[in-house]
Amino acid sequence: MILPVEKFDGLGLVYVPPQSDVKPTDEYYETNKITWIIPESNKFGSLDLFRSHTKIYRIADGKLISEHVSYARRGGDPILIPVHPSSYSCKDKSQYYKQPFIKHDRVKNEPTK
């Protein structure tokens, strides 16, 4: 999707709201489904593992324009110490928001030189 520079923030990302927060002026929305592989537990030292499946849709026609799947682990440390458990997540999600959008710095209807 080619978008004007104004649609991008200082980090080069386009804000895509969750489906529940869409406003009439928004052009895109995202959905996110979390699937617990090892269920979340409040037990100290427990291992939690989940899959996150995020999709970006264009509102105008409902077309799926991007999709991202990642996995994350929290806890399960071999040595229990009284601090926050370690965690790990694959794939940097910020790249997911950059991938479907291309920044175009020309003003609309400007003649090509």
C-alpha atoms as a PDB file:
ATOM      1  CA  MET A   1       0.000   0.000   0.000  1.00  0.00           C
ATOM      2  CA  ILE A   2       1.511   3.331  -1.029  1.00  0.00           C
ATOM      3  CA  LEU A   3       0.619   6.083   1.449  1.00  0.00           C
ATOM      4  CA  PRO A   4       1.540   9.768   1.804  1.00  0.00           C
ATOM      5  CA  VAL A   5       4.238  10.752   4.318  1.00  0.00           C
ATOM      6  CA  GLU A   6       1.610  12.288   6.648  1.00  0.00           C
ATOM      7  CA  LYS A   7       0.252   8.808   7.471  1.00  0.00           C
ATOM      8  CA  PHE A   8       3.581   7.772   9.087  1.00  0.00           C
ATOM      9  CA  ASP A   9       4.784   8.636  12.586  1.00  0.00           C
ATOM     10  CA  GLY A  10       8.349   9.545  13.607  1.00  0.00           C
ATOM     11  CA  LEU A  11       9.370   5.873  13.641  1.00  0.00           C
ATOM     12  CA  GLY A  12       8.081   5.278  10.111  1.00  0.00           C
ATOM     13  CA  LEU A  13       5.025   3.343  11.301  1.00  0.00           C
ATOM     14  CA  VAL A  14       1.362   3.672  10.342  1.00  0.00           C
ATOM     15  CA  TYR A  15      -1.051   3.581  13.287  1.00  0.00           C
ATOM     16  CA  VAL A  16      -3.447   0.666  12.855  1.00  0.00           C
ATOM     17  CA  PRO A  17      -6.107   0.569  15.590  1.00  0.00           C
ATOM     18  CA  PRO A  18      -7.615  -2.623  16.953  1.00  0.00           C
ATOM     19  CA  GLN A  19     -10.999  -3.457  15.433  1.00  0.00           C
ATOM     20  CA  SER A  20     -12.749  -2.415  18.666  1.00  0.00           C
ATOM     21  CA  ASP A  21     -11.297   1.144  18.478  1.00  0.00           C
ATOM     22  CA  VAL A  22     -11.937   1.975  14.795  1.00  0.00           C
ATOM     23  CA  LYS A  23     -13.086   5.541  14.082  1.00  0.00           C
ATOM     24  CA  PRO A  24     -14.921   6.729  10.928  1.00  0.00           C
ATOM     25  CA  THR A  25     -11.681   8.312   9.641  1.00  0.00           C
ATOM     26  CA  ASP A  26      -9.592   5.123   9.956  1.00  0.00           C
ATOM     27  CA  GLU A  27      -8.620   3.233   6.807  1.00  0.00           C
ATOM     28  CA  TYR A  28      -7.288   0.048   8.438  1.00  0.00           C
ATOM     29  CA  TYR A  29      -7.816  -2.060  11.532  1.00  0.00           C
ATOM     30  CA  GLU A  30      -6.158  -5.046  13.127  1.00  0.00           C
ATOM     31  CA  THR A  31      -7.361  -8.186  14.832  1.00  0.00           C
ATOM     32  CA  ASN A  32      -5.279 -10.250  17.218  1.00  0.00           C
ATOM     33  CA  LYS A  33      -5.910 -13.775  18.458  1.00  0.00           C
ATOM     34  CA  ILE A  34      -3.882 -15.194  21.344  1.00  0.00           C
ATOM     35  CA  THR A  35      -3.695 -18.979  21.630  1.00  0.00           C
ATOM     36  CA  TRP A  36      -2.202 -20.341  24.840  1.00  0.00           C
ATOM     37  CA  ILE A  37      -0.004 -23.356  24.097  1.00  0.00           C
ATOM     38  CA  ILE A  38       0.959 -23.722  27.753  1.00  0.00           C
ATOM     39  CA  PRO A  39      -1.782 -21.890  29.666  1.00  0.00           C
ATOM     40  CA  GLU A  40      -1.037 -18.713  31.587  1.00  0.00           C
ATOM     41  CA  SER A  41      -0.540 -19.397  35.267  1.00  0.00           C
ATOM     42  CA  ASN A  42      -0.067 -17.108  38.247  1.00  0.00           C
ATOM     43  CA  LYS A  43       2.076 -19.740  39.946  1.00  0.00           C
ATOM     44  CA  PHE A  44       5.609 -18.475  40.665  1.00  0.00           C
ATOM     45  CA  GLY A  45       8.135 -19.940  38.209  1.00  0.00           C
ATOM     46  CA  SER A  46       5.523 -21.408  35.876  1.00  0.00           C
ATOM     47  CA  LEU A  47       6.131 -21.620  32.137  1.00  0.00           C
ATOM     48  CA  ASP A  48       3.690 -19.749  29.883  1.00  0.00           C
ATOM     49  CA  LEU A  49       3.818 -20.142  26.093  1.00  0.00           C
ATOM     50  CA  PHE A  50       1.492 -18.499  23.586  1.00  0.00           C
ATOM     51  CA  ARG A  51       0.954 -17.830  19.892  1.00  0.00           C
ATOM     52  CA  SER A  52      -0.170 -14.400  18.668  1.00  0.00           C
ATOM     53  CA  HIS A  53      -1.848 -14.148  15.237  1.00  0.00           C
ATOM     54  CA  THR A  54      -2.363 -10.546  14.105  1.00  0.00           C
ATOM     55  CA  LYS A  55      -4.048  -9.453  10.860  1.00  0.00           C
ATOM     56  CA  ILE A  56      -4.412  -6.012   9.240  1.00  0.00           C
ATOM     57  CA  TYR A  57      -7.497  -5.349   7.099  1.00  0.00           C
ATOM     58  CA  ARG A  58      -8.377  -2.457   4.785  1.00  0.00           C
ATOM     59  CA  ILE A  59     -11.762  -1.079   5.868  1.00  0.00           C
ATOM     60  CA  ALA A  60     -12.896   0.057   2.393  1.00  0.00           C
ATOM     61  CA  ASP A  61     -13.170  -3.475   1.010  1.00  0.00           C
ATOM     62  CA  GLY A  62     -12.405  -5.746   3.981  1.00  0.00           C
ATOM     63  CA  LYS A  63      -9.288  -7.078   2.242  1.00  0.00           C
ATOM     64  CA  LEU A  64      -6.618  -8.756   4.372  1.00  0.00           C
ATOM     65  CA  ILE A  65      -3.409  -6.833   3.622  1.00  0.00           C
ATOM     66  CA  SER A  66      -0.970  -8.256   6.171  1.00  0.00           C
ATOM     67  CA  GLU A  67      -0.655 -11.054   8.662  1.00  0.00           C
ATOM     68  CA  HIS A  68       1.864 -11.808  11.417  1.00  0.00           C
ATOM     69  CA  VAL A  69       2.335 -14.858  13.627  1.00  0.00           C
ATOM     70  CA  SER A  70       4.675 -14.829  16.612  1.00  0.00           C
ATOM     71  CA  TYR A  71       5.365 -16.951  19.648  1.00  0.00           C
ATOM     72  CA  ALA A  72       6.375 -15.899  23.143  1.00  0.00           C
ATOM     73  CA  ARG A  73       7.582 -17.617  26.274  1.00  0.00           C
ATOM     74  CA  ARG A  74       7.488 -16.292  29.816  1.00  0.00           C
ATOM     75  CA  GLY A  75       8.955 -18.001  32.883  1.00  0.00           C
ATOM     76  CA  GLY A  76      10.025 -21.617  33.179  1.00  0.00           C
ATOM     77  CA  ASP A  77      13.436 -20.575  34.470  1.00  0.00           C
ATOM     78  CA  PRO A  78      15.583 -23.429  35.853  1.00  0.00           C
ATOM     79  CA  ILE A  79      16.685 -21.374  38.874  1.00  0.00           C
ATOM     80  CA  LEU A  80      13.957 -19.531  40.728  1.00  0.00           C
ATOM     81  CA  ILE A  81      14.992 -16.163  42.116  1.00  0.00           C
ATOM     82  CA  PRO A  82      12.623 -13.529  43.505  1.00  0.00           C
ATOM     83  CA  VAL A  83      12.622 -11.261  40.427  1.00  0.00           C
ATOM     84  CA  HIS A  84      10.563 -11.070  37.255  1.00  0.00           C
ATOM     85  CA  PRO A  85      10.789 -14.257  35.188  1.00  0.00           C
ATOM     86  CA  SER A  86      12.720 -14.253  31.934  1.00  0.00           C
ATOM     87  CA  SER A  87      10.861 -14.030  28.643  1.00  0.00           C
ATOM     88  CA  TYR A  88      11.503 -14.422  24.931  1.00  0.00           C
ATOM     89  CA  SER A  89       9.529 -13.483  21.836  1.00  0.00           C
ATOM     90  CA  CYS A  90      10.322 -14.214  18.199  1.00  0.00           C
ATOM     91  CA  LYS A  91      10.037 -11.632  15.427  1.00  0.00           C
ATOM     92  CA  ASP A  92      10.075  -7.887  15.952  1.00  0.00           C
ATOM     93  CA  LYS A  93       6.457  -6.771  15.592  1.00  0.00           C
ATOM     94  CA  SER A  94       7.448  -3.230  14.507  1.00  0.00           C
ATOM     95  CA  GLN A  95       8.617  -4.688  11.172  1.00  0.00           C
ATOM     96  CA  TYR A  96       5.164  -6.179  10.741  1.00  0.00           C
ATOM     97  CA  TYR A  97       3.661  -2.670  10.793  1.00  0.00           C
ATOM     98  CA  LYS A  98       6.226  -1.367   8.272  1.00  0.00           C
ATOM     99  CA  GLN A  99       5.916  -4.216   5.780  1.00  0.00           C
ATOM    100  CA  PRO A 100       2.518  -3.489   4.141  1.00  0.00           C
ATOM    101  CA  PHE A 101       3.005   0.290   3.844  1.00  0.00           C
ATOM    102  CA  ILE A 102       5.318   2.234   1.528  1.00  0.00           C
ATOM    103  CA  LYS A 103       6.017   5.904   2.180  1.00  0.00           C
ATOM    104  CA  HIS A 104       5.414   8.188  -0.810  1.00  0.00           C
ATOM    105  CA  ASP A 105       6.787  11.715  -0.400  1.00  0.00           C
ATOM    106  CA  ARG A 106       5.174  13.316  -3.448  1.00  0.00           C
ATOM    107  CA  VAL A 107       2.025  15.373  -3.188  1.00  0.00           C
ATOM    108  CA  LYS A 108      -0.985  13.728  -4.819  1.00  0.00           C
ATOM    109  CA  ASN A 109      -1.474  14.699  -8.477  1.00  0.00           C
ATOM    110  CA  GLU A 110       2.009  16.229  -8.680  1.00  0.00           C
ATOM    111  CA  PRO A 111       3.425  15.714 -12.186  1.00  0.00           C
ATOM    112  CA  THR A 112       6.299  13.248 -12.436  1.00  0.00           C
ATOM    113  CA  LYS A 113       9.607  14.880 -13.364  1.00  0.00           C
END
